[in-house]
Amino acid sequence: MSDSDKTEEIVDYFGECVIEEVYDPALFGANSIIDLTTKNSIDQKNYSVFSSFTEEQKEKLKELMKITTVDIIYRFLEMIEEHDDEFKIVIEKGEETYSLTDISEKMGSEIADAEDEEGWIRKFSEL
């Protein structure tokens, strides 16, 4: 496996974790609250106002939640890169150790969700 392939594999592994353990669960939870399908009685009570929303309003709110979630993850990754001398995300694979900020040119751009981008969301999201 070439260094380039290994680097992509490591960055994608991290991205898959971000999408499967942060992005998808956050949006699933938000969508279940918006749709009032959550089993959490406190959320059902606190957000019962959503029952009066039209389907279009609910879809727009879900869209906003998606955009906001992507933005939060993007800003978090950018913060890690900007403070690389203080924060390190290290991935150990076998005998080797990789600094994610060293092997990814622009980690925040990996989460890309644009139509023409092949970022982590398109690769790994179940939603």
C-alpha atoms as a PDB file:
ATOM      1  CA  MET A   1       0.000   0.000   0.000  1.00  0.00           C
ATOM      2  CA  SER A   2       1.421   3.377  -0.989  1.00  0.00           C
ATOM      3  CA  ASP A   3       1.869   6.180   1.555  1.00  0.00           C
ATOM      4  CA  SER A   4      -0.904   8.110  -0.206  1.00  0.00           C
ATOM      5  CA  ASP A   5      -3.324   5.179   0.095  1.00  0.00           C
ATOM      6  CA  LYS A   6      -2.372   4.639   3.730  1.00  0.00           C
ATOM      7  CA  THR A   7      -2.896   8.334   4.485  1.00  0.00           C
ATOM      8  CA  GLU A   8      -6.320   8.311   2.820  1.00  0.00           C
ATOM      9  CA  GLU A   9      -7.264   5.156   4.727  1.00  0.00           C
ATOM     10  CA  ILE A  10      -6.316   6.739   8.059  1.00  0.00           C
ATOM     11  CA  VAL A  11      -8.119  10.026   7.354  1.00  0.00           C
ATOM     12  CA  ASP A  12     -11.178   8.087   6.181  1.00  0.00           C
ATOM     13  CA  TYR A  13     -11.119   5.907   9.301  1.00  0.00           C
ATOM     14  CA  PHE A  14     -11.249   9.029  11.463  1.00  0.00           C
ATOM     15  CA  GLY A  15     -13.993  10.479   9.264  1.00  0.00           C
ATOM     16  CA  GLU A  16     -16.045   7.325   9.451  1.00  0.00           C
ATOM     17  CA  CYS A  17     -15.875   7.531  13.259  1.00  0.00           C
ATOM     18  CA  VAL A  18     -16.918  11.207  13.176  1.00  0.00           C
ATOM     19  CA  ILE A  19     -19.897  10.478  10.920  1.00  0.00           C
ATOM     20  CA  GLU A  20     -21.051   7.259  12.596  1.00  0.00           C
ATOM     21  CA  GLU A  21     -20.547   8.403  16.186  1.00  0.00           C
ATOM     22  CA  VAL A  22     -21.256  12.150  16.019  1.00  0.00           C
ATOM     23  CA  TYR A  23     -22.986  13.365  12.848  1.00  0.00           C
ATOM     24  CA  ASP A  24     -25.539  10.581  12.266  1.00  0.00           C
ATOM     25  CA  PRO A  25     -26.611  10.197  15.927  1.00  0.00           C
ATOM     26  CA  ALA A  26     -26.953  13.979  16.356  1.00  0.00           C
ATOM     27  CA  LEU A  27     -29.134  14.324  13.273  1.00  0.00           C
ATOM     28  CA  PHE A  28     -31.123  11.192  14.031  1.00  0.00           C
ATOM     29  CA  GLY A  29     -31.912  12.606  17.475  1.00  0.00           C
ATOM     30  CA  ALA A  30     -32.822  16.036  16.129  1.00  0.00           C
ATOM     31  CA  ASN A  31     -35.005  14.550  13.387  1.00  0.00           C
ATOM     32  CA  SER A  32     -36.855  12.310  15.842  1.00  0.00           C
ATOM     33  CA  ILE A  33     -37.597  15.350  17.991  1.00  0.00           C
ATOM     34  CA  ILE A  34     -38.754  17.420  15.005  1.00  0.00           C
ATOM     35  CA  ASP A  35     -40.964  14.548  13.824  1.00  0.00           C
ATOM     36  CA  LEU A  36     -42.094  13.929  17.432  1.00  0.00           C
ATOM     37  CA  THR A  37     -41.168  10.259  17.102  1.00  0.00           C
ATOM     38  CA  THR A  38     -38.741  10.454  20.015  1.00  0.00           C
ATOM     39  CA  LYS A  39     -39.487   8.166  22.928  1.00  0.00           C
ATOM     40  CA  ASN A  40     -38.111  10.750  25.340  1.00  0.00           C
ATOM     41  CA  SER A  41     -41.161  12.144  27.142  1.00  0.00           C
ATOM     42  CA  ILE A  42     -39.306  15.306  28.212  1.00  0.00           C
ATOM     43  CA  ASP A  43     -38.389  16.079  24.593  1.00  0.00           C
ATOM     44  CA  GLN A  44     -41.958  15.299  23.501  1.00  0.00           C
ATOM     45  CA  LYS A  45     -43.260  17.812  26.035  1.00  0.00           C
ATOM     46  CA  ASN A  46     -40.604  20.486  25.428  1.00  0.00           C
ATOM     47  CA  TYR A  47     -40.928  20.358  21.654  1.00  0.00           C
ATOM     48  CA  SER A  48     -44.641  19.635  21.232  1.00  0.00           C
ATOM     49  CA  VAL A  49     -44.853  22.937  19.328  1.00  0.00           C
ATOM     50  CA  PHE A  50     -43.439  21.034  16.327  1.00  0.00           C
ATOM     51  CA  SER A  51     -46.773  19.229  15.985  1.00  0.00           C
ATOM     52  CA  SER A  52     -48.216  22.435  14.518  1.00  0.00           C
ATOM     53  CA  PHE A  53     -45.451  22.751  11.914  1.00  0.00           C
ATOM     54  CA  THR A  54     -46.182  21.940   8.304  1.00  0.00           C
ATOM     55  CA  GLU A  55     -44.097  19.265   6.595  1.00  0.00           C
ATOM     56  CA  GLU A  56     -42.271  22.024   4.712  1.00  0.00           C
ATOM     57  CA  GLN A  57     -41.413  23.786   7.981  1.00  0.00           C
ATOM     58  CA  LYS A  58     -40.179  20.524   9.483  1.00  0.00           C
ATOM     59  CA  GLU A  59     -38.009  19.835   6.425  1.00  0.00           C
ATOM     60  CA  LYS A  60     -36.512  23.333   6.619  1.00  0.00           C
ATOM     61  CA  LEU A  61     -35.764  22.863  10.310  1.00  0.00           C
ATOM     62  CA  LYS A  62     -34.097  19.497   9.558  1.00  0.00           C
ATOM     63  CA  GLU A  63     -32.070  21.176   6.819  1.00  0.00           C
ATOM     64  CA  LEU A  64     -30.959  23.851   9.288  1.00  0.00           C
ATOM     65  CA  MET A  65     -29.989  21.175  11.810  1.00  0.00           C
ATOM     66  CA  LYS A  66     -27.922  19.387   9.152  1.00  0.00           C
ATOM     67  CA  ILE A  67     -26.146  22.581   8.093  1.00  0.00           C
ATOM     68  CA  THR A  68     -25.510  23.505  11.727  1.00  0.00           C
ATOM     69  CA  THR A  69     -24.163  20.056  12.603  1.00  0.00           C
ATOM     70  CA  VAL A  70     -21.779  20.120   9.636  1.00  0.00           C
ATOM     71  CA  ASP A  71     -20.671  23.629  10.600  1.00  0.00           C
ATOM     72  CA  ILE A  72     -19.978  22.611  14.203  1.00  0.00           C
ATOM     73  CA  ILE A  73     -17.883  19.616  13.145  1.00  0.00           C
ATOM     74  CA  TYR A  74     -16.073  21.739  10.544  1.00  0.00           C
ATOM     75  CA  ARG A  75     -15.276  24.473  13.075  1.00  0.00           C
ATOM     76  CA  PHE A  76     -14.107  21.895  15.623  1.00  0.00           C
ATOM     77  CA  LEU A  77     -11.726  20.314  13.105  1.00  0.00           C
ATOM     78  CA  GLU A  78     -10.468  23.757  12.048  1.00  0.00           C
ATOM     79  CA  MET A  79      -9.854  24.657  15.699  1.00  0.00           C
ATOM     80  CA  ILE A  80      -7.745  21.521  16.137  1.00  0.00           C
ATOM     81  CA  GLU A  81      -5.706  22.449  13.060  1.00  0.00           C
ATOM     82  CA  GLU A  82      -5.221  26.039  14.189  1.00  0.00           C
ATOM     83  CA  HIS A  83      -3.964  24.851  17.580  1.00  0.00           C
ATOM     84  CA  ASP A  84      -1.897  21.966  16.254  1.00  0.00           C
ATOM     85  CA  ASP A  85       0.951  22.826  18.594  1.00  0.00           C
ATOM     86  CA  GLU A  86      -1.419  22.306  21.555  1.00  0.00           C
ATOM     87  CA  PHE A  87      -3.921  19.662  20.358  1.00  0.00           C
ATOM     88  CA  LYS A  88      -3.012  16.433  18.654  1.00  0.00           C
ATOM     89  CA  ILE A  89      -5.195  13.722  17.216  1.00  0.00           C
ATOM     90  CA  VAL A  90      -2.963  10.720  16.906  1.00  0.00           C
ATOM     91  CA  ILE A  91      -3.968   7.501  15.231  1.00  0.00           C
ATOM     92  CA  GLU A  92      -1.988   4.369  15.898  1.00  0.00           C
ATOM     93  CA  LYS A  93      -2.071   1.741  13.200  1.00  0.00           C
ATOM     94  CA  GLY A  94       0.023  -1.288  13.900  1.00  0.00           C
ATOM     95  CA  GLU A  95       3.503  -0.131  14.862  1.00  0.00           C
ATOM     96  CA  GLU A  96       3.068   3.322  13.307  1.00  0.00           C
ATOM     97  CA  THR A  97       1.658   6.534  14.751  1.00  0.00           C
ATOM     98  CA  TYR A  98       0.122   9.283  12.606  1.00  0.00           C
ATOM     99  CA  SER A  99      -0.812  12.834  13.504  1.00  0.00           C
ATOM    100  CA  LEU A 100      -4.074  13.531  11.744  1.00  0.00           C
ATOM    101  CA  THR A 101      -3.222  17.184  11.211  1.00  0.00           C
ATOM    102  CA  ASP A 102       0.096  16.206   9.636  1.00  0.00           C
ATOM    103  CA  ILE A 103      -1.431  13.828   7.103  1.00  0.00           C
ATOM    104  CA  SER A 104      -4.570  15.802   6.210  1.00  0.00           C
ATOM    105  CA  GLU A 105      -4.088  19.035   4.271  1.00  0.00           C
ATOM    106  CA  LYS A 106      -7.315  20.565   5.525  1.00  0.00           C
ATOM    107  CA  MET A 107      -9.211  18.304   7.898  1.00  0.00           C
ATOM    108  CA  GLY A 108     -12.322  20.489   7.994  1.00  0.00           C
ATOM    109  CA  SER A 109     -12.798  20.158   4.254  1.00  0.00           C
ATOM    110  CA  GLU A 110     -13.055  16.373   4.643  1.00  0.00           C
ATOM    111  CA  ILE A 111     -16.587  16.756   5.997  1.00  0.00           C
ATOM    112  CA  ALA A 112     -17.687  18.426   2.750  1.00  0.00           C
ATOM    113  CA  ASP A 113     -21.362  18.080   1.993  1.00  0.00           C
ATOM    114  CA  ALA A 114     -21.520  19.891  -1.340  1.00  0.00           C
ATOM    115  CA  GLU A 115     -23.095  18.196  -4.337  1.00  0.00           C
ATOM    116  CA  ASP A 116     -19.780  17.762  -6.133  1.00  0.00           C
ATOM    117  CA  GLU A 117     -17.669  16.821  -3.110  1.00  0.00           C
ATOM    118  CA  GLU A 118     -16.829  13.289  -2.025  1.00  0.00           C
ATOM    119  CA  GLY A 119     -16.443  14.013   1.679  1.00  0.00           C
ATOM    120  CA  TRP A 120     -17.065  11.964   4.769  1.00  0.00           C
ATOM    121  CA  ILE A 121     -20.828  12.576   4.799  1.00  0.00           C
ATOM    122  CA  ARG A 122     -21.315  11.128   1.318  1.00  0.00           C
ATOM    123  CA  LYS A 123     -18.959   8.249   2.060  1.00  0.00           C
ATOM    124  CA  PHE A 124     -20.181   7.206   5.500  1.00  0.00           C
ATOM    125  CA  SER A 125     -23.522   8.702   6.535  1.00  0.00           C
ATOM    126  CA  GLU A 126     -26.520   6.425   6.901  1.00  0.00           C
ATOM    127  CA  LEU A 127     -28.927   9.370   6.762  1.00  0.00           C
END
